[in-house]
Amino acid sequence: MPHFRFHDELNDLLRPDFRDRGFEWPCAERATAKHAIEALGVPHTEVGRVLVDGQPAGLGHLLRETDSLDVFPAAATHPAAGDPAPRFLADAHLGGLARRLRLLGFDTELARDAPDRSLADLADGDGRIVLSRDRELLKHRRVTRGRYVRARTTDGQLREVVAHFGLRENVRPFSRCLECNAPLRPASLAEVADRLPPRVAADQTEFTLCTGCGRVYWPGSHWQRLRAVVSEYSTVPTDRSASAEPGS
């Protein structure tokens, strides 16, 4: 039987008795490395290098009974200067993460209840990176880039995704709607006055308008809490002129 050894954070995805050690695993006839690795619970999106008997091999490698595989995790990425910011598709269980990524300015669609095939097609067609805690979605052949999100809290998930995809250089805080993901634009008081509570119209002078759902944002009390989140990731000043935050 082929022999497997998974390295580093890939062990998180294995059953406990296979973690941090080598083991043998029976494979179907003409199984590829991808089929075997995913049968063991590790989506192909999590895999970086694969060595077979110490030599580099692809996920399409046809396994032999005598093969010894070392499987390494996908490395954290560091986008080159001038590269477009990554775009994401977060599964329905990661709504908090989707909102935080939008807060930092990243185009992040939130998947609703839909078959994995439909979500995979959407991600592939839009060139989006899939963020999920659903391994079966990440195993879909049309999902080419993705991340099984390990962290359980929203703050931890955001730190994990920012670090893994090297997002700090592309942070553009307060530039997307937290609700619908569309870009925000500056708006005058006259343009949005009929949508504001009287006290806000009287006290505030800076507004942004969602170009999608029409939601109005202003620097309300909640903005202070969001600014604290942004300050951990952004070198852009987070004063009121840079912000677009829903008032309370």
C-alpha atoms as a PDB file:
ATOM      1  CA  MET A   1       0.000   0.000   0.000  1.00  0.00           C
ATOM      2  CA  PRO A   2       1.187   3.575  -0.609  1.00  0.00           C
ATOM      3  CA  HIS A   3       2.760   5.288   2.387  1.00  0.00           C
ATOM      4  CA  PHE A   4       1.706   8.840   3.351  1.00  0.00           C
ATOM      5  CA  ARG A   5       3.153  11.545   5.576  1.00  0.00           C
ATOM      6  CA  PHE A   6       1.363  14.871   5.937  1.00  0.00           C
ATOM      7  CA  HIS A   7       3.270  17.886   7.205  1.00  0.00           C
ATOM      8  CA  ASP A   8       2.605  20.924   9.372  1.00  0.00           C
ATOM      9  CA  GLU A   9      -0.958  22.315   9.409  1.00  0.00           C
ATOM     10  CA  LEU A  10      -2.298  19.576   7.139  1.00  0.00           C
ATOM     11  CA  ASN A  11      -2.320  17.359  10.202  1.00  0.00           C
ATOM     12  CA  ASP A  12      -5.251  19.427  11.491  1.00  0.00           C
ATOM     13  CA  LEU A  13      -7.386  17.865   8.762  1.00  0.00           C
ATOM     14  CA  LEU A  14      -6.492  14.219   9.386  1.00  0.00           C
ATOM     15  CA  ARG A  15      -8.156  11.846  11.763  1.00  0.00           C
ATOM     16  CA  PRO A  16      -6.257  11.814  15.083  1.00  0.00           C
ATOM     17  CA  ASP A  17      -4.462   8.479  14.647  1.00  0.00           C
ATOM     18  CA  PHE A  18      -2.865   9.648  11.373  1.00  0.00           C
ATOM     19  CA  ARG A  19      -1.511  12.974  12.629  1.00  0.00           C
ATOM     20  CA  ASP A  20       2.221  13.719  12.800  1.00  0.00           C
ATOM     21  CA  ARG A  21       3.311  10.296  11.610  1.00  0.00           C
ATOM     22  CA  GLY A  22       3.642   8.185   8.489  1.00  0.00           C
ATOM     23  CA  PHE A  23       1.003   5.580   7.691  1.00  0.00           C
ATOM     24  CA  GLU A  24      -0.153   3.264   4.937  1.00  0.00           C
ATOM     25  CA  TRP A  25      -3.475   3.767   3.192  1.00  0.00           C
ATOM     26  CA  PRO A  26      -5.167   1.454   0.670  1.00  0.00           C
ATOM     27  CA  CYS A  27      -6.054   3.143  -2.610  1.00  0.00           C
ATOM     28  CA  ALA A  28      -8.336   2.215  -5.468  1.00  0.00           C
ATOM     29  CA  GLU A  29      -6.792   0.954  -8.663  1.00  0.00           C
ATOM     30  CA  ARG A  30      -5.424   3.820 -10.783  1.00  0.00           C
ATOM     31  CA  ALA A  31      -6.112   6.335  -8.010  1.00  0.00           C
ATOM     32  CA  THR A  32      -4.329   9.651  -8.323  1.00  0.00           C
ATOM     33  CA  ALA A  33      -2.544  11.450  -5.513  1.00  0.00           C
ATOM     34  CA  LYS A  34      -5.455  13.921  -5.446  1.00  0.00           C
ATOM     35  CA  HIS A  35      -8.032  11.171  -4.967  1.00  0.00           C
ATOM     36  CA  ALA A  36      -6.086   9.584  -2.131  1.00  0.00           C
ATOM     37  CA  ILE A  37      -5.249  12.835  -0.372  1.00  0.00           C
ATOM     38  CA  GLU A  38      -8.871  13.978  -0.487  1.00  0.00           C
ATOM     39  CA  ALA A  39     -10.128  10.575   0.661  1.00  0.00           C
ATOM     40  CA  LEU A  40      -8.009  11.162   3.757  1.00  0.00           C
ATOM     41  CA  GLY A  41      -9.853  14.438   4.413  1.00  0.00           C
ATOM     42  CA  VAL A  42      -7.471  17.015   2.921  1.00  0.00           C
ATOM     43  CA  PRO A  43      -8.937  19.155   0.092  1.00  0.00           C
ATOM     44  CA  HIS A  44      -6.625  19.812  -2.845  1.00  0.00           C
ATOM     45  CA  THR A  45      -6.811  23.554  -2.126  1.00  0.00           C
ATOM     46  CA  GLU A  46      -4.793  22.915   1.058  1.00  0.00           C
ATOM     47  CA  VAL A  47      -1.945  21.127  -0.712  1.00  0.00           C
ATOM     48  CA  GLY A  48       1.286  22.728  -1.874  1.00  0.00           C
ATOM     49  CA  ARG A  49       4.163  20.382  -2.689  1.00  0.00           C
ATOM     50  CA  VAL A  50       3.796  16.644  -3.112  1.00  0.00           C
ATOM     51  CA  LEU A  51       6.881  14.454  -3.117  1.00  0.00           C
ATOM     52  CA  VAL A  52       6.766  10.846  -4.266  1.00  0.00           C
ATOM     53  CA  ASP A  53       9.820   8.904  -3.131  1.00  0.00           C
ATOM     54  CA  GLY A  54      11.484  12.250  -2.512  1.00  0.00           C
ATOM     55  CA  GLN A  55      10.812  13.635  -5.997  1.00  0.00           C
ATOM     56  CA  PRO A  56       8.309  16.385  -6.911  1.00  0.00           C
ATOM     57  CA  ALA A  57       5.029  15.073  -8.290  1.00  0.00           C
ATOM     58  CA  GLY A  58       1.675  16.549  -9.219  1.00  0.00           C
ATOM     59  CA  LEU A  59      -1.732  15.765  -7.796  1.00  0.00           C
ATOM     60  CA  GLY A  60      -2.452  13.837 -10.968  1.00  0.00           C
ATOM     61  CA  HIS A  61       0.293  11.305 -10.239  1.00  0.00           C
ATOM     62  CA  LEU A  62      -1.016   7.722 -10.560  1.00  0.00           C
ATOM     63  CA  LEU A  63      -0.249   5.926  -7.332  1.00  0.00           C
ATOM     64  CA  ARG A  64       1.701   2.686  -7.136  1.00  0.00           C
ATOM     65  CA  GLU A  65       1.714   0.248  -4.263  1.00  0.00           C
ATOM     66  CA  THR A  66       5.305   1.103  -3.407  1.00  0.00           C
ATOM     67  CA  ASP A  67       4.973   4.907  -3.481  1.00  0.00           C
ATOM     68  CA  SER A  68       5.923   6.959  -0.454  1.00  0.00           C
ATOM     69  CA  LEU A  69       4.270  10.388  -0.428  1.00  0.00           C
ATOM     70  CA  ASP A  70       5.146  13.492   1.551  1.00  0.00           C
ATOM     71  CA  VAL A  71       2.363  16.092   1.382  1.00  0.00           C
ATOM     72  CA  PHE A  72       3.053  19.714   2.342  1.00  0.00           C
ATOM     73  CA  PRO A  73       0.580  22.570   2.898  1.00  0.00           C
ATOM     74  CA  ALA A  74       0.008  25.368   0.428  1.00  0.00           C
ATOM     75  CA  ALA A  75       2.323  28.222   1.294  1.00  0.00           C
ATOM     76  CA  ALA A  76       1.054  31.602   2.349  1.00  0.00           C
ATOM     77  CA  THR A  77       0.893  33.915  -0.639  1.00  0.00           C
ATOM     78  CA  HIS A  78       2.475  37.327  -1.058  1.00  0.00           C
ATOM     79  CA  PRO A  79       0.933  39.204  -4.023  1.00  0.00           C
ATOM     80  CA  ALA A  80       3.344  41.146  -6.174  1.00  0.00           C
ATOM     81  CA  ALA A  81       3.115  44.919  -6.281  1.00  0.00           C
ATOM     82  CA  GLY A  82       0.479  46.004  -8.753  1.00  0.00           C
ATOM     83  CA  ASP A  83      -1.438  42.724  -8.652  1.00  0.00           C
ATOM     84  CA  PRO A  84      -5.209  43.130  -8.264  1.00  0.00           C
ATOM     85  CA  ALA A  85      -6.594  42.478  -4.824  1.00  0.00           C
ATOM     86  CA  PRO A  86      -7.912  38.933  -4.322  1.00  0.00           C
ATOM     87  CA  ARG A  87     -11.664  38.376  -4.495  1.00  0.00           C
ATOM     88  CA  PHE A  88     -13.415  35.915  -2.204  1.00  0.00           C
ATOM     89  CA  LEU A  89     -16.468  33.701  -1.902  1.00  0.00           C
ATOM     90  CA  ALA A  90     -17.238  32.869   1.728  1.00  0.00           C
ATOM     91  CA  ASP A  91     -19.590  30.039   2.564  1.00  0.00           C
ATOM     92  CA  ALA A  92     -22.853  30.644   4.394  1.00  0.00           C
ATOM     93  CA  HIS A  93     -21.300  29.789   7.777  1.00  0.00           C
ATOM     94  CA  LEU A  94     -18.700  32.559   7.499  1.00  0.00           C
ATOM     95  CA  GLY A  95     -20.945  35.614   7.431  1.00  0.00           C
ATOM     96  CA  GLY A  96     -18.941  37.422  10.115  1.00  0.00           C
ATOM     97  CA  LEU A  97     -15.710  36.866   8.203  1.00  0.00           C
ATOM     98  CA  ALA A  98     -17.310  38.121   4.975  1.00  0.00           C
ATOM     99  CA  ARG A  99     -18.338  41.369   6.676  1.00  0.00           C
ATOM    100  CA  ARG A 100     -14.865  41.877   8.136  1.00  0.00           C
ATOM    101  CA  LEU A 101     -13.213  41.325   4.755  1.00  0.00           C
ATOM    102  CA  ARG A 102     -15.594  43.867   3.235  1.00  0.00           C
ATOM    103  CA  LEU A 103     -14.700  46.248   6.057  1.00  0.00           C
ATOM    104  CA  LEU A 104     -11.063  45.993   4.919  1.00  0.00           C
ATOM    105  CA  GLY A 105     -12.139  46.659   1.330  1.00  0.00           C
ATOM    106  CA  PHE A 106     -12.073  43.162  -0.182  1.00  0.00           C
ATOM    107  CA  ASP A 107     -14.685  42.064  -2.703  1.00  0.00           C
ATOM    108  CA  THR A 108     -16.312  39.211  -0.775  1.00  0.00           C
ATOM    109  CA  GLU A 109     -19.485  37.454  -1.842  1.00  0.00           C
ATOM    110  CA  LEU A 110     -21.349  35.491   0.804  1.00  0.00           C
ATOM    111  CA  ALA A 111     -22.656  32.176  -0.476  1.00  0.00           C
ATOM    112  CA  ARG A 112     -26.261  31.360   0.269  1.00  0.00           C
ATOM    113  CA  ASP A 113     -27.650  27.866   0.487  1.00  0.00           C
ATOM    114  CA  ALA A 114     -26.818  26.346  -2.884  1.00  0.00           C
ATOM    115  CA  PRO A 115     -25.360  23.071  -4.172  1.00  0.00           C
ATOM    116  CA  ASP A 116     -21.573  22.811  -4.055  1.00  0.00           C
ATOM    117  CA  ARG A 117     -21.500  22.610  -7.844  1.00  0.00           C
ATOM    118  CA  SER A 118     -23.239  25.994  -8.164  1.00  0.00           C
ATOM    119  CA  LEU A 119     -20.851  27.610  -5.673  1.00  0.00           C
ATOM    120  CA  ALA A 120     -17.834  26.078  -7.402  1.00  0.00           C
ATOM    121  CA  ASP A 121     -19.076  27.381 -10.763  1.00  0.00           C
ATOM    122  CA  LEU A 122     -19.578  30.858  -9.284  1.00  0.00           C
ATOM    123  CA  ALA A 123     -16.086  30.923  -7.791  1.00  0.00           C
ATOM    124  CA  ASP A 124     -14.507  29.649 -10.996  1.00  0.00           C
ATOM    125  CA  GLY A 125     -16.438  32.033 -13.241  1.00  0.00           C
ATOM    126  CA  ASP A 126     -15.645  35.086 -11.091  1.00  0.00           C
ATOM    127  CA  GLY A 127     -12.065  34.086 -10.238  1.00  0.00           C
ATOM    128  CA  ARG A 128     -12.837  34.036  -6.526  1.00  0.00           C
ATOM    129  CA  ILE A 129     -10.969  32.298  -3.721  1.00  0.00           C
ATOM    130  CA  VAL A 130     -13.308  30.045  -1.753  1.00  0.00           C
ATOM    131  CA  LEU A 131     -13.263  30.392   2.039  1.00  0.00           C
ATOM    132  CA  SER A 132     -15.073  27.566   3.736  1.00  0.00           C
ATOM    133  CA  ARG A 133     -15.381  25.139   6.603  1.00  0.00           C
ATOM    134  CA  ASP A 134     -16.984  22.647   4.195  1.00  0.00           C
ATOM    135  CA  ARG A 135     -14.283  20.303   2.951  1.00  0.00           C
ATOM    136  CA  GLU A 136     -16.497  18.793   0.267  1.00  0.00           C
ATOM    137  CA  LEU A 137     -16.931  22.194  -1.380  1.00  0.00           C
ATOM    138  CA  LEU A 138     -13.166  22.719  -1.396  1.00  0.00           C
ATOM    139  CA  LYS A 139     -12.660  19.294  -2.983  1.00  0.00           C
ATOM    140  CA  HIS A 140     -14.738  20.243  -6.022  1.00  0.00           C
ATOM    141  CA  ARG A 141     -12.631  20.073  -9.172  1.00  0.00           C
ATOM    142  CA  ARG A 142     -13.666  23.582 -10.278  1.00  0.00           C
ATOM    143  CA  VAL A 143     -12.433  25.156  -7.042  1.00  0.00           C
ATOM    144  CA  THR A 144      -8.851  26.021  -7.919  1.00  0.00           C
ATOM    145  CA  ARG A 145      -8.050  28.327  -4.991  1.00  0.00           C
ATOM    146  CA  GLY A 146      -9.454  28.121  -1.514  1.00  0.00           C
ATOM    147  CA  ARG A 147      -8.817  27.878   2.183  1.00  0.00           C
ATOM    148  CA  TYR A 148     -10.288  25.626   4.828  1.00  0.00           C
ATOM    149  CA  VAL A 149     -10.671  28.209   7.589  1.00  0.00           C
ATOM    150  CA  ARG A 150      -9.365  26.742  10.831  1.00  0.00           C
ATOM    151  CA  ALA A 151     -10.158  29.512  13.306  1.00  0.00           C
ATOM    152  CA  ARG A 152     -13.539  29.448  15.047  1.00  0.00           C
ATOM    153  CA  THR A 153     -13.944  33.127  15.989  1.00  0.00           C
ATOM    154  CA  THR A 154     -14.492  35.939  13.497  1.00  0.00           C
ATOM    155  CA  ASP A 155     -11.403  37.827  14.695  1.00  0.00           C
ATOM    156  CA  GLY A 156      -9.287  34.689  14.432  1.00  0.00           C
ATOM    157  CA  GLN A 157     -10.646  33.900  10.979  1.00  0.00           C
ATOM    158  CA  LEU A 158      -9.806  37.378   9.729  1.00  0.00           C
ATOM    159  CA  ARG A 159      -6.237  37.159  11.043  1.00  0.00           C
ATOM    160  CA  GLU A 160      -5.843  33.736   9.436  1.00  0.00           C
ATOM    161  CA  VAL A 161      -7.099  34.829   6.011  1.00  0.00           C
ATOM    162  CA  VAL A 162      -5.156  38.115   5.978  1.00  0.00           C
ATOM    163  CA  ALA A 163      -1.935  36.272   6.867  1.00  0.00           C
ATOM    164  CA  HIS A 164      -2.411  33.328   4.491  1.00  0.00           C
ATOM    165  CA  PHE A 165      -3.245  35.436   1.438  1.00  0.00           C
ATOM    166  CA  GLY A 166      -0.899  38.337   2.211  1.00  0.00           C
ATOM    167  CA  LEU A 167      -3.681  40.916   2.164  1.00  0.00           C
ATOM    168  CA  ARG A 168      -2.171  43.775   4.153  1.00  0.00           C
ATOM    169  CA  GLU A 169      -0.882  45.698   1.139  1.00  0.00           C
ATOM    170  CA  ASN A 170      -4.337  45.656  -0.479  1.00  0.00           C
ATOM    171  CA  VAL A 171      -6.379  46.829   2.514  1.00  0.00           C
ATOM    172  CA  ARG A 172      -8.705  49.716   1.565  1.00  0.00           C
ATOM    173  CA  PRO A 173     -10.823  50.204   4.684  1.00  0.00           C
ATOM    174  CA  PHE A 174     -14.376  51.502   4.657  1.00  0.00           C
ATOM    175  CA  SER A 175     -14.721  51.262   0.876  1.00  0.00           C
ATOM    176  CA  ARG A 176     -17.349  48.471   0.563  1.00  0.00           C
ATOM    177  CA  CYS A 177     -20.836  47.972   1.860  1.00  0.00           C
ATOM    178  CA  LEU A 178     -20.840  45.583   4.790  1.00  0.00           C
ATOM    179  CA  GLU A 179     -24.271  44.293   3.799  1.00  0.00           C
ATOM    180  CA  CYS A 180     -24.202  43.783   0.025  1.00  0.00           C
ATOM    181  CA  ASN A 181     -20.482  44.085  -0.891  1.00  0.00           C
ATOM    182  CA  ALA A 182     -20.935  46.860  -3.473  1.00  0.00           C
ATOM    183  CA  PRO A 183     -18.468  49.792  -3.540  1.00  0.00           C
ATOM    184  CA  LEU A 184     -19.207  52.919  -1.521  1.00  0.00           C
ATOM    185  CA  ARG A 185     -18.976  56.473  -2.810  1.00  0.00           C
ATOM    186  CA  PRO A 186     -19.029  59.868  -1.090  1.00  0.00           C
ATOM    187  CA  ALA A 187     -22.453  61.502  -0.822  1.00  0.00           C
ATOM    188  CA  SER A 188     -23.656  64.945   0.184  1.00  0.00           C
ATOM    189  CA  LEU A 189     -26.138  65.635   2.946  1.00  0.00           C
ATOM    190  CA  ALA A 190     -28.631  66.880   0.372  1.00  0.00           C
ATOM    191  CA  GLU A 191     -28.409  63.591  -1.518  1.00  0.00           C
ATOM    192  CA  VAL A 192     -29.162  61.371   1.484  1.00  0.00           C
ATOM    193  CA  ALA A 193     -31.070  63.638   3.876  1.00  0.00           C
ATOM    194  CA  ASP A 194     -34.389  61.876   3.325  1.00  0.00           C
ATOM    195  CA  ARG A 195     -32.863  58.574   4.479  1.00  0.00           C
ATOM    196  CA  LEU A 196     -31.367  59.847   7.736  1.00  0.00           C
ATOM    197  CA  PRO A 197     -32.694  60.106  11.291  1.00  0.00           C
ATOM    198  CA  PRO A 198     -33.119  63.816  12.194  1.00  0.00           C
ATOM    199  CA  ARG A 199     -30.322  63.768  14.783  1.00  0.00           C
ATOM    200  CA  VAL A 200     -27.880  62.327  12.243  1.00  0.00           C
ATOM    201  CA  ALA A 201     -28.828  64.918   9.616  1.00  0.00           C
ATOM    202  CA  ALA A 202     -28.234  67.629  12.210  1.00  0.00           C
ATOM    203  CA  ASP A 203     -24.948  66.319  13.617  1.00  0.00           C
ATOM    204  CA  GLN A 204     -23.077  64.632  10.751  1.00  0.00           C
ATOM    205  CA  THR A 205     -21.438  66.183   7.699  1.00  0.00           C
ATOM    206  CA  GLU A 206     -19.733  63.222   5.999  1.00  0.00           C
ATOM    207  CA  PHE A 207     -21.603  60.393   4.342  1.00  0.00           C
ATOM    208  CA  THR A 208     -20.993  57.534   1.966  1.00  0.00           C
ATOM    209  CA  LEU A 209     -23.589  55.768  -0.133  1.00  0.00           C
ATOM    210  CA  CYS A 210     -23.642  52.152  -1.242  1.00  0.00           C
ATOM    211  CA  THR A 211     -23.774  51.953  -5.019  1.00  0.00           C
ATOM    212  CA  GLY A 212     -25.656  48.661  -4.756  1.00  0.00           C
ATOM    213  CA  CYS A 213     -28.313  48.590  -2.045  1.00  0.00           C
ATOM    214  CA  GLY A 214     -28.385  52.359  -1.359  1.00  0.00           C
ATOM    215  CA  ARG A 215     -27.477  52.032   2.323  1.00  0.00           C
ATOM    216  CA  VAL A 216     -26.080  55.245   3.854  1.00  0.00           C
ATOM    217  CA  TYR A 217     -23.031  55.203   6.128  1.00  0.00           C
ATOM    218  CA  TRP A 218     -21.684  57.852   8.476  1.00  0.00           C
ATOM    219  CA  PRO A 219     -19.153  58.028  11.358  1.00  0.00           C
ATOM    220  CA  GLY A 220     -21.424  56.974  14.202  1.00  0.00           C
ATOM    221  CA  SER A 221     -20.507  55.428  17.533  1.00  0.00           C
ATOM    222  CA  HIS A 222     -20.125  51.956  16.045  1.00  0.00           C
ATOM    223  CA  TRP A 223     -17.439  53.385  13.759  1.00  0.00           C
ATOM    224  CA  GLN A 224     -15.047  53.651  16.699  1.00  0.00           C
ATOM    225  CA  ARG A 225     -15.235  49.895  17.272  1.00  0.00           C
ATOM    226  CA  LEU A 226     -14.759  49.139  13.587  1.00  0.00           C
ATOM    227  CA  ARG A 227     -11.805  51.509  13.435  1.00  0.00           C
ATOM    228  CA  ALA A 228     -10.095  49.413  16.112  1.00  0.00           C
ATOM    229  CA  VAL A 229     -10.502  46.335  13.901  1.00  0.00           C
ATOM    230  CA  VAL A 230      -9.154  48.145  10.857  1.00  0.00           C
ATOM    231  CA  SER A 231      -6.151  49.600  12.687  1.00  0.00           C
ATOM    232  CA  GLU A 232      -4.708  46.104  13.208  1.00  0.00           C
ATOM    233  CA  TYR A 233      -4.413  45.560   9.454  1.00  0.00           C
ATOM    234  CA  SER A 234      -4.165  48.922   7.745  1.00  0.00           C
ATOM    235  CA  THR A 235      -1.473  51.529   7.236  1.00  0.00           C
ATOM    236  CA  VAL A 236      -4.142  53.846   5.798  1.00  0.00           C
ATOM    237  CA  PRO A 237      -5.228  56.537   8.282  1.00  0.00           C
ATOM    238  CA  THR A 238      -8.632  55.669   9.691  1.00  0.00           C
ATOM    239  CA  ASP A 239      -9.839  59.173  10.417  1.00  0.00           C
ATOM    240  CA  ARG A 240     -13.341  60.177   9.400  1.00  0.00           C
ATOM    241  CA  SER A 241     -12.321  61.243   5.908  1.00  0.00           C
ATOM    242  CA  ALA A 242     -11.202  57.680   5.211  1.00  0.00           C
ATOM    243  CA  SER A 243     -14.124  55.907   6.794  1.00  0.00           C
ATOM    244  CA  ALA A 244     -17.475  54.687   5.640  1.00  0.00           C
ATOM    245  CA  GLU A 245     -19.185  53.048   8.590  1.00  0.00           C
ATOM    246  CA  PRO A 246     -22.820  52.484   9.476  1.00  0.00           C
ATOM    247  CA  GLY A 247     -23.978  54.870  12.149  1.00  0.00           C
ATOM    248  CA  SER A 248     -25.657  53.487  15.204  1.00  0.00           C
END
